[in-house]
């Protein structure tokens, strides 16, 4: 294949690939016989910007992972958001309320016992919220990177 054709194909896909993968695509194009390059047109390419936007707005529901074909992680994120994390919040709030009610029932002379339990449960709720935030921001980065990795895999498979 001619270098001009290789350059135009690489330029076409460069924004949808990681920088480290561009030489791999160039080598695969040089080694292909030219008849397989038409298969690139029918190759599934994920737009990293769409993956990022989905991750920002619908990432907690796993829609970003469903978009890039990572169904297992999408289901896991959906279950975490819809079932597990709310259940933990409800559990901690319920235990804190029971502990508070216990402290009110046992209070004597206007002092409230059991306040340290509420503090512990409040810290746990804050820790879960912090963990969710960390996971959310790391997923923004990894989802876009995963889309670019899937793109190079699809392109190289089309050229084989």
N, C-alpha and C. Protein backbone atom coordinates (compact mmCIF):
# COMPACT_ATOMS: atom_id res chain seq x y z
N UNK A 1 0.84 -1.17 0.00
CA UNK A 1 0.00 0.00 0.00
C UNK A 1 0.89 1.24 0.00
N UNK A 2 0.46 2.27 -0.68
CA UNK A 2 1.24 3.49 -0.80
C UNK A 2 1.19 4.30 0.50
N UNK A 3 2.26 5.04 0.73
CA UNK A 3 2.36 5.82 1.97
C UNK A 3 1.28 6.90 2.06
N UNK A 4 0.85 7.45 0.90
CA UNK A 4 -0.20 8.47 0.93
C UNK A 4 -1.51 7.89 1.42
N UNK A 5 -1.81 6.69 0.97
CA UNK A 5 -3.05 6.02 1.41
C UNK A 5 -2.98 5.69 2.90
N UNK A 6 -1.83 5.20 3.33
CA UNK A 6 -1.66 4.87 4.75
C UNK A 6 -1.83 6.13 5.60
N UNK A 7 -1.23 7.23 5.16
CA UNK A 7 -1.33 8.48 5.91
C UNK A 7 -2.77 8.97 6.00
N UNK A 8 -3.50 8.88 4.92
CA UNK A 8 -4.89 9.35 4.95
C UNK A 8 -5.76 8.47 5.85
N UNK A 9 -5.51 7.17 5.84
CA UNK A 9 -6.27 6.27 6.72
C UNK A 9 -5.93 6.55 8.18
N UNK A 10 -4.65 6.73 8.47
CA UNK A 10 -4.22 7.00 9.85
C UNK A 10 -4.78 8.32 10.34
N UNK A 11 -4.77 9.34 9.50
CA UNK A 11 -5.33 10.64 9.88
C UNK A 11 -6.82 10.51 10.16
N UNK A 12 -7.50 9.69 9.37
CA UNK A 12 -8.93 9.50 9.55
C UNK A 12 -9.27 8.89 10.91
N UNK A 13 -8.43 7.97 11.39
CA UNK A 13 -8.71 7.27 12.64
C UNK A 13 -7.90 7.78 13.83
N UNK A 14 -7.03 8.75 13.65
CA UNK A 14 -6.10 9.15 14.72
C UNK A 14 -6.79 9.67 15.98
N UNK A 15 -7.93 10.36 15.84
CA UNK A 15 -8.62 10.87 17.03
C UNK A 15 -9.40 9.80 17.77
N UNK A 16 -9.53 8.63 17.17
CA UNK A 16 -10.27 7.54 17.79
C UNK A 16 -9.37 6.44 18.33
N UNK A 17 -8.05 6.72 18.33
CA UNK A 17 -7.06 5.74 18.79
C UNK A 17 -6.15 6.38 19.83
N UNK A 18 -5.52 5.54 20.65
CA UNK A 18 -4.48 6.01 21.54
C UNK A 18 -3.23 6.33 20.72
N UNK A 19 -2.44 7.28 21.15
CA UNK A 19 -1.23 7.66 20.41
C UNK A 19 -0.29 6.47 20.20
N UNK A 20 -0.20 5.62 21.21
CA UNK A 20 0.70 4.47 21.11
C UNK A 20 0.24 3.45 20.08
N UNK A 21 -1.04 3.49 19.71
CA UNK A 21 -1.58 2.50 18.77
C UNK A 21 -1.48 2.93 17.32
N UNK A 22 -1.17 4.19 17.06
CA UNK A 22 -1.08 4.67 15.68
C UNK A 22 0.03 3.95 14.90
N UNK A 23 1.23 3.76 15.47
CA UNK A 23 2.25 2.99 14.74
C UNK A 23 1.82 1.55 14.45
N UNK A 24 1.07 0.96 15.37
CA UNK A 24 0.57 -0.40 15.12
C UNK A 24 -0.35 -0.44 13.92
N UNK A 25 -1.21 0.59 13.79
CA UNK A 25 -2.11 0.65 12.63
C UNK A 25 -1.30 0.87 11.35
N UNK A 26 -0.30 1.75 11.41
CA UNK A 26 0.53 1.99 10.23
C UNK A 26 1.23 0.71 9.78
N UNK A 27 1.80 -0.03 10.72
CA UNK A 27 2.48 -1.29 10.38
C UNK A 27 1.50 -2.31 9.80
N UNK A 28 0.32 -2.39 10.38
CA UNK A 28 -0.68 -3.33 9.86
C UNK A 28 -1.11 -2.94 8.45
N UNK A 29 -1.22 -1.64 8.17
CA UNK A 29 -1.59 -1.19 6.83
C UNK A 29 -0.47 -1.48 5.84
N UNK A 30 0.77 -1.29 6.25
CA UNK A 30 1.90 -1.59 5.36
C UNK A 30 1.98 -3.08 5.04
N UNK A 31 1.67 -3.91 6.02
CA UNK A 31 1.75 -5.36 5.83
C UNK A 31 0.53 -5.96 5.15
N UNK A 32 -0.55 -5.18 5.05
CA UNK A 32 -1.75 -5.71 4.38
C UNK A 32 -1.55 -5.63 2.87
N UNK A 33 -2.27 -6.47 2.17
CA UNK A 33 -2.10 -6.52 0.72
C UNK A 33 -2.96 -5.49 -0.01
N UNK A 34 -3.69 -4.69 0.71
CA UNK A 34 -4.51 -3.65 0.07
C UNK A 34 -5.94 -4.07 -0.13
N UNK A 35 -6.21 -5.35 -0.27
CA UNK A 35 -7.58 -5.80 -0.48
C UNK A 35 -8.38 -5.76 0.83
N UNK A 36 -7.71 -5.82 1.97
CA UNK A 36 -8.39 -5.81 3.26
C UNK A 36 -8.71 -4.40 3.75
N UNK A 37 -8.15 -3.38 3.11
CA UNK A 37 -8.40 -2.02 3.59
C UNK A 37 -9.85 -1.61 3.41
N UNK A 38 -10.54 -2.20 2.46
CA UNK A 38 -11.97 -1.89 2.31
C UNK A 38 -12.77 -2.40 3.50
N UNK A 39 -12.23 -3.42 4.22
CA UNK A 39 -12.92 -3.93 5.41
C UNK A 39 -12.92 -2.90 6.54
N UNK A 40 -12.02 -1.92 6.47
CA UNK A 40 -11.99 -0.88 7.49
C UNK A 40 -13.26 -0.04 7.48
N UNK A 41 -13.88 0.07 6.31
CA UNK A 41 -15.10 0.88 6.21
C UNK A 41 -16.26 0.27 6.98
N UNK A 42 -16.30 -1.04 7.06
CA UNK A 42 -17.40 -1.70 7.78
C UNK A 42 -17.04 -2.04 9.22
N UNK A 43 -15.87 -1.60 9.65
CA UNK A 43 -15.38 -1.89 10.99
C UNK A 43 -16.13 -1.03 12.02
N UNK A 44 -16.50 -1.65 13.15
CA UNK A 44 -17.19 -0.93 14.23
C UNK A 44 -16.18 -0.04 14.95
N UNK A 45 -16.42 1.27 14.91
CA UNK A 45 -15.56 2.25 15.56
C UNK A 45 -16.39 3.00 16.60
N UNK A 46 -15.88 3.02 17.83
CA UNK A 46 -16.54 3.73 18.92
C UNK A 46 -15.98 5.14 19.02
N UNK A 47 -16.86 6.11 19.13
CA UNK A 47 -16.43 7.49 19.26
C UNK A 47 -16.09 7.76 20.73
N UNK A 48 -14.83 8.07 21.03
CA UNK A 48 -14.45 8.32 22.43
C UNK A 48 -15.17 9.50 23.06
N UNK A 49 -15.53 10.49 22.26
CA UNK A 49 -16.26 11.65 22.79
C UNK A 49 -17.66 11.23 23.22
N UNK A 50 -18.31 10.40 22.43
CA UNK A 50 -19.63 9.88 22.82
C UNK A 50 -19.51 9.05 24.09
N UNK A 51 -18.46 8.23 24.17
CA UNK A 51 -18.24 7.43 25.38
C UNK A 51 -18.05 8.34 26.59
N UNK A 52 -17.31 9.44 26.43
CA UNK A 52 -17.09 10.37 27.52
C UNK A 52 -18.39 11.05 27.94
N UNK A 53 -19.17 11.52 26.98
CA UNK A 53 -20.44 12.19 27.29
C UNK A 53 -21.41 11.22 27.98
N UNK A 54 -21.47 10.00 27.48
CA UNK A 54 -22.32 8.99 28.13
C UNK A 54 -21.82 8.71 29.54
N UNK A 55 -20.51 8.69 29.70
CA UNK A 55 -19.93 8.43 31.02
C UNK A 55 -20.25 9.57 31.99
N UNK A 56 -20.23 10.80 31.51
CA UNK A 56 -20.52 11.95 32.37
C UNK A 56 -21.98 11.94 32.82
N UNK A 57 -22.90 11.76 31.87
CA UNK A 57 -24.31 11.91 32.18
C UNK A 57 -25.00 10.62 32.61
N UNK A 58 -24.60 9.49 32.06
CA UNK A 58 -25.28 8.23 32.36
C UNK A 58 -24.33 7.14 32.84
N UNK A 59 -23.12 7.53 33.21
CA UNK A 59 -22.11 6.56 33.60
C UNK A 59 -22.44 5.78 34.84
N UNK A 60 -23.14 6.40 35.78
CA UNK A 60 -23.47 5.68 37.00
C UNK A 60 -24.45 4.55 36.74
N UNK A 61 -25.17 4.63 35.64
CA UNK A 61 -26.09 3.55 35.27
C UNK A 61 -25.43 2.52 34.35
N UNK A 62 -24.18 2.74 33.97
CA UNK A 62 -23.45 1.79 33.15
C UNK A 62 -23.69 1.93 31.66
N UNK A 63 -24.40 2.96 31.24
CA UNK A 63 -24.72 3.14 29.81
C UNK A 63 -23.45 3.30 28.99
N UNK A 64 -22.43 3.97 29.55
CA UNK A 64 -21.17 4.14 28.84
C UNK A 64 -20.52 2.79 28.54
N UNK A 65 -20.61 1.86 29.47
CA UNK A 65 -20.02 0.53 29.25
C UNK A 65 -20.84 -0.29 28.27
N UNK A 66 -22.14 -0.13 28.29
CA UNK A 66 -22.97 -0.82 27.30
C UNK A 66 -22.63 -0.32 25.89
N UNK A 67 -22.37 0.99 25.76
CA UNK A 67 -22.05 1.58 24.46
C UNK A 67 -20.80 0.96 23.86
N UNK A 68 -19.75 0.76 24.67
CA UNK A 68 -18.51 0.22 24.13
C UNK A 68 -18.48 -1.30 24.13
N UNK A 69 -19.60 -1.92 24.47
CA UNK A 69 -19.69 -3.38 24.39
C UNK A 69 -19.19 -4.11 25.61
N UNK A 70 -19.00 -3.40 26.70
CA UNK A 70 -18.54 -3.99 27.95
C UNK A 70 -19.77 -4.27 28.83
N UNK A 71 -20.56 -5.27 28.43
CA UNK A 71 -21.86 -5.52 29.05
C UNK A 71 -21.72 -5.92 30.52
N UNK A 72 -20.73 -6.73 30.84
CA UNK A 72 -20.55 -7.18 32.22
C UNK A 72 -20.33 -6.02 33.18
N UNK A 73 -19.43 -5.10 32.81
CA UNK A 73 -19.18 -3.94 33.67
C UNK A 73 -20.38 -3.00 33.68
N UNK A 74 -21.11 -2.94 32.59
CA UNK A 74 -22.32 -2.12 32.56
C UNK A 74 -23.37 -2.63 33.52
N UNK A 75 -23.56 -3.94 33.55
CA UNK A 75 -24.53 -4.53 34.49
C UNK A 75 -24.06 -4.33 35.92
N UNK A 76 -22.75 -4.49 36.17
CA UNK A 76 -22.21 -4.29 37.51
C UNK A 76 -22.43 -2.86 37.99
N UNK A 77 -22.16 -1.88 37.12
CA UNK A 77 -22.37 -0.48 37.50
C UNK A 77 -23.84 -0.19 37.74
N UNK A 78 -24.70 -0.77 36.91
CA UNK A 78 -26.14 -0.57 37.08
C UNK A 78 -26.61 -1.15 38.42
N UNK A 79 -26.16 -2.36 38.74
CA UNK A 79 -26.54 -2.98 40.01
C UNK A 79 -26.00 -2.18 41.20
N UNK A 80 -24.76 -1.71 41.09
CA UNK A 80 -24.19 -0.91 42.17
C UNK A 80 -25.01 0.35 42.42
N UNK A 81 -25.40 1.01 41.35
CA UNK A 81 -26.11 2.27 41.47
C UNK A 81 -27.55 2.07 41.94
N UNK A 82 -28.21 1.07 41.42
CA UNK A 82 -29.64 0.91 41.67
C UNK A 82 -29.94 0.08 42.92
N UNK A 83 -29.07 -0.88 43.25
CA UNK A 83 -29.40 -1.81 44.33
C UNK A 83 -28.45 -1.69 45.52
N UNK A 84 -27.19 -1.92 45.31
CA UNK A 84 -26.27 -2.11 46.43
C UNK A 84 -26.01 -0.83 47.21
N UNK A 85 -25.65 0.26 46.52
CA UNK A 85 -25.32 1.50 47.23
C UNK A 85 -26.54 2.08 47.95
N UNK A 86 -27.72 2.15 47.32
CA UNK A 86 -28.89 2.61 48.09
C UNK A 86 -29.21 1.71 49.29
N UNK A 87 -29.02 0.41 49.13
CA UNK A 87 -29.28 -0.50 50.25
C UNK A 87 -28.33 -0.22 51.40
N UNK A 88 -27.06 0.06 51.10
CA UNK A 88 -26.11 0.40 52.16
C UNK A 88 -26.49 1.71 52.85
N UNK A 89 -26.89 2.70 52.08
CA UNK A 89 -27.33 3.96 52.67
C UNK A 89 -28.52 3.73 53.60
N UNK A 90 -29.51 2.99 53.13
CA UNK A 90 -30.70 2.73 53.94
C UNK A 90 -30.32 1.97 55.21
N UNK A 91 -29.45 0.98 55.08
CA UNK A 91 -29.01 0.22 56.24
C UNK A 91 -28.31 1.11 57.26
N UNK A 92 -27.37 1.93 56.81
CA UNK A 92 -26.66 2.80 57.74
C UNK A 92 -27.58 3.83 58.39
N UNK A 93 -28.49 4.41 57.62
CA UNK A 93 -29.42 5.39 58.18
C UNK A 93 -30.34 4.71 59.19
N UNK A 94 -30.83 3.53 58.87
CA UNK A 94 -31.72 2.81 59.79
C UNK A 94 -30.99 2.47 61.09
N UNK A 95 -29.78 1.99 60.98
CA UNK A 95 -29.01 1.65 62.19
C UNK A 95 -28.72 2.92 63.00
N UNK A 96 -28.41 4.01 62.33
CA UNK A 96 -28.15 5.27 63.03
C UNK A 96 -29.41 5.76 63.74
N UNK A 97 -30.56 5.63 63.09
CA UNK A 97 -31.82 6.07 63.71
C UNK A 97 -32.16 5.20 64.92
N UNK A 98 -31.96 3.89 64.80
CA UNK A 98 -32.21 3.00 65.93
C UNK A 98 -31.26 3.33 67.07
N UNK A 99 -30.01 3.58 66.74
CA UNK A 99 -29.02 3.93 67.75
C UNK A 99 -29.39 5.25 68.42
N UNK A 100 -29.85 6.21 67.64
CA UNK A 100 -30.26 7.50 68.19
C UNK A 100 -31.48 7.33 69.09
N UNK A 101 -32.44 6.55 68.64
CA UNK A 101 -33.64 6.30 69.46
C UNK A 101 -33.26 5.58 70.75
N UNK A 102 -32.32 4.67 70.67
CA UNK A 102 -31.82 3.97 71.85
C UNK A 102 -31.18 4.95 72.82
N UNK A 103 -30.40 5.87 72.28
CA UNK A 103 -29.73 6.88 73.11
C UNK A 103 -30.72 7.81 73.77
N UNK A 104 -31.79 8.19 73.05
CA UNK A 104 -32.82 9.06 73.61
C UNK A 104 -33.55 8.33 74.73
N UNK A 105 -33.84 7.05 74.53
CA UNK A 105 -34.55 6.28 75.54
C UNK A 105 -33.70 6.10 76.79
N UNK A 106 -32.38 6.04 76.63
CA UNK A 106 -31.50 5.81 77.76
C UNK A 106 -30.96 7.10 78.37
N UNK A 107 -31.28 8.23 77.77
CA UNK A 107 -30.72 9.49 78.26
C UNK A 107 -31.26 9.82 79.65
N UNK A 108 -30.40 10.39 80.43
CA UNK A 108 -30.79 10.79 81.79
C UNK A 108 -30.20 12.16 82.05
N UNK A 109 -31.04 13.04 82.55
CA UNK A 109 -30.55 14.38 82.88
C UNK A 109 -30.21 15.20 81.66
N UNK A 110 -30.83 14.93 80.52
CA UNK A 110 -30.63 15.73 79.33
C UNK A 110 -29.39 15.37 78.52
N UNK A 111 -28.64 14.35 78.90
CA UNK A 111 -27.49 13.93 78.10
C UNK A 111 -27.91 12.82 77.16
N UNK A 112 -27.34 12.82 76.00
CA UNK A 112 -27.70 11.85 74.97
C UNK A 112 -26.56 10.86 74.79
N UNK A 113 -26.84 9.60 75.02
CA UNK A 113 -25.85 8.55 74.82
C UNK A 113 -26.01 7.95 73.43
N UNK A 114 -25.00 7.31 72.96
CA UNK A 114 -25.08 6.66 71.65
C UNK A 114 -24.68 7.58 70.51
N UNK A 115 -24.23 8.80 70.84
CA UNK A 115 -23.83 9.75 69.81
C UNK A 115 -22.62 9.28 69.02
N UNK A 116 -21.74 8.51 69.66
CA UNK A 116 -20.56 8.02 68.95
C UNK A 116 -20.94 7.04 67.86
N UNK A 117 -22.04 6.29 68.05
CA UNK A 117 -22.51 5.38 66.99
C UNK A 117 -22.98 6.16 65.77
N UNK A 118 -23.68 7.24 66.02
CA UNK A 118 -24.15 8.07 64.91
C UNK A 118 -22.97 8.66 64.16
N UNK A 119 -21.95 9.06 64.87
CA UNK A 119 -20.75 9.59 64.24
C UNK A 119 -20.09 8.53 63.35
N UNK A 120 -20.00 7.31 63.85
CA UNK A 120 -19.40 6.22 63.07
C UNK A 120 -20.21 5.97 61.80
N UNK A 121 -21.53 5.92 61.92
CA UNK A 121 -22.36 5.67 60.74
C UNK A 121 -22.32 6.84 59.77
N UNK A 122 -22.22 8.05 60.29
CA UNK A 122 -22.10 9.21 59.41
C UNK A 122 -20.78 9.16 58.63
N UNK A 123 -19.72 8.77 59.31
CA UNK A 123 -18.42 8.64 58.65
C UNK A 123 -18.48 7.56 57.57
N UNK A 124 -19.16 6.45 57.85
CA UNK A 124 -19.29 5.38 56.85
C UNK A 124 -20.08 5.85 55.63
N UNK A 125 -21.14 6.61 55.85
CA UNK A 125 -21.93 7.13 54.73
C UNK A 125 -21.08 8.09 53.90
N UNK A 126 -20.32 8.95 54.55
CA UNK A 126 -19.44 9.88 53.83
C UNK A 126 -18.36 9.11 53.07
N UNK A 127 -17.83 8.05 53.67
CA UNK A 127 -16.81 7.23 52.99
C UNK A 127 -17.38 6.57 51.74
N UNK A 128 -18.61 6.09 51.81
CA UNK A 128 -19.24 5.47 50.63
C UNK A 128 -19.44 6.53 49.54
N UNK A 129 -19.91 7.71 49.93
CA UNK A 129 -20.10 8.78 48.95
C UNK A 129 -18.78 9.19 48.31
N UNK A 130 -17.71 9.23 49.10
CA UNK A 130 -16.39 9.56 48.58
C UNK A 130 -15.89 8.48 47.62
N UNK A 131 -16.11 7.23 47.98
CA UNK A 131 -15.73 6.12 47.11
C UNK A 131 -16.49 6.18 45.78
N UNK A 132 -17.78 6.48 45.84
CA UNK A 132 -18.57 6.64 44.61
C UNK A 132 -17.99 7.73 43.73
N UNK A 133 -17.59 8.84 44.32
CA UNK A 133 -17.03 9.96 43.56
C UNK A 133 -15.72 9.57 42.92
N UNK A 134 -14.86 8.88 43.64
CA UNK A 134 -13.58 8.44 43.08
C UNK A 134 -13.81 7.49 41.91
N UNK A 135 -14.71 6.54 42.09
CA UNK A 135 -15.03 5.59 41.02
C UNK A 135 -15.59 6.32 39.81
N UNK A 136 -16.46 7.29 40.03
CA UNK A 136 -17.07 8.05 38.94
C UNK A 136 -16.01 8.74 38.09
N UNK A 137 -15.07 9.43 38.73
CA UNK A 137 -14.07 10.18 37.96
C UNK A 137 -13.04 9.27 37.29
N UNK A 138 -12.71 8.15 37.91
CA UNK A 138 -11.79 7.22 37.24
C UNK A 138 -12.47 6.56 36.04
N UNK A 139 -13.76 6.31 36.15
CA UNK A 139 -14.50 5.73 35.04
C UNK A 139 -14.57 6.68 33.85
N UNK A 140 -14.59 7.98 34.09
CA UNK A 140 -14.58 8.95 32.99
C UNK A 140 -13.34 8.75 32.12
N UNK A 141 -12.22 8.54 32.77
CA UNK A 141 -10.96 8.35 32.05
C UNK A 141 -10.91 6.99 31.38
N UNK A 142 -11.24 5.94 32.13
CA UNK A 142 -11.07 4.59 31.61
C UNK A 142 -12.06 4.23 30.51
N UNK A 143 -13.26 4.79 30.54
CA UNK A 143 -14.24 4.47 29.51
C UNK A 143 -13.79 4.99 28.15
N UNK A 144 -13.27 6.21 28.12
CA UNK A 144 -12.79 6.78 26.87
C UNK A 144 -11.57 6.00 26.36
N UNK A 145 -10.70 5.62 27.25
CA UNK A 145 -9.51 4.85 26.87
C UNK A 145 -9.92 3.47 26.36
N UNK A 146 -10.92 2.86 26.98
CA UNK A 146 -11.40 1.53 26.57
C UNK A 146 -11.99 1.61 25.16
N UNK A 147 -12.70 2.68 24.85
CA UNK A 147 -13.26 2.85 23.51
C UNK A 147 -12.14 2.92 22.47
N UNK A 148 -11.07 3.63 22.79
CA UNK A 148 -9.95 3.74 21.86
C UNK A 148 -9.23 2.40 21.70
N UNK A 149 -9.12 1.64 22.78
CA UNK A 149 -8.49 0.31 22.69
C UNK A 149 -9.34 -0.65 21.85
N UNK A 150 -10.65 -0.58 22.03
CA UNK A 150 -11.52 -1.44 21.22
C UNK A 150 -11.41 -1.07 19.74
N UNK A 151 -11.23 0.21 19.45
CA UNK A 151 -11.10 0.65 18.06
C UNK A 151 -9.88 0.03 17.39
N UNK A 152 -8.73 0.05 18.06
CA UNK A 152 -7.53 -0.52 17.44
C UNK A 152 -7.69 -2.02 17.26
N UNK A 153 -8.31 -2.68 18.24
CA UNK A 153 -8.56 -4.13 18.10
C UNK A 153 -9.43 -4.41 16.87
N UNK A 154 -10.50 -3.64 16.73
CA UNK A 154 -11.40 -3.84 15.58
C UNK A 154 -10.71 -3.56 14.25
N UNK A 155 -9.90 -2.51 14.22
CA UNK A 155 -9.20 -2.17 12.97
C UNK A 155 -8.17 -3.25 12.60
N UNK A 156 -7.39 -3.70 13.59
CA UNK A 156 -6.38 -4.72 13.31
C UNK A 156 -7.03 -6.04 12.92
N UNK A 157 -8.16 -6.37 13.53
CA UNK A 157 -8.87 -7.60 13.15
C UNK A 157 -9.42 -7.50 11.74
N UNK A 158 -9.84 -6.31 11.34
CA UNK A 158 -10.36 -6.13 9.98
C UNK A 158 -9.26 -6.28 8.94
N UNK A 159 -8.03 -5.94 9.31
CA UNK A 159 -6.92 -6.02 8.37
C UNK A 159 -6.32 -7.42 8.27
N UNK A 160 -6.70 -8.31 9.15
CA UNK A 160 -6.13 -9.70 9.13
C UNK A 160 -6.85 -10.55 8.12
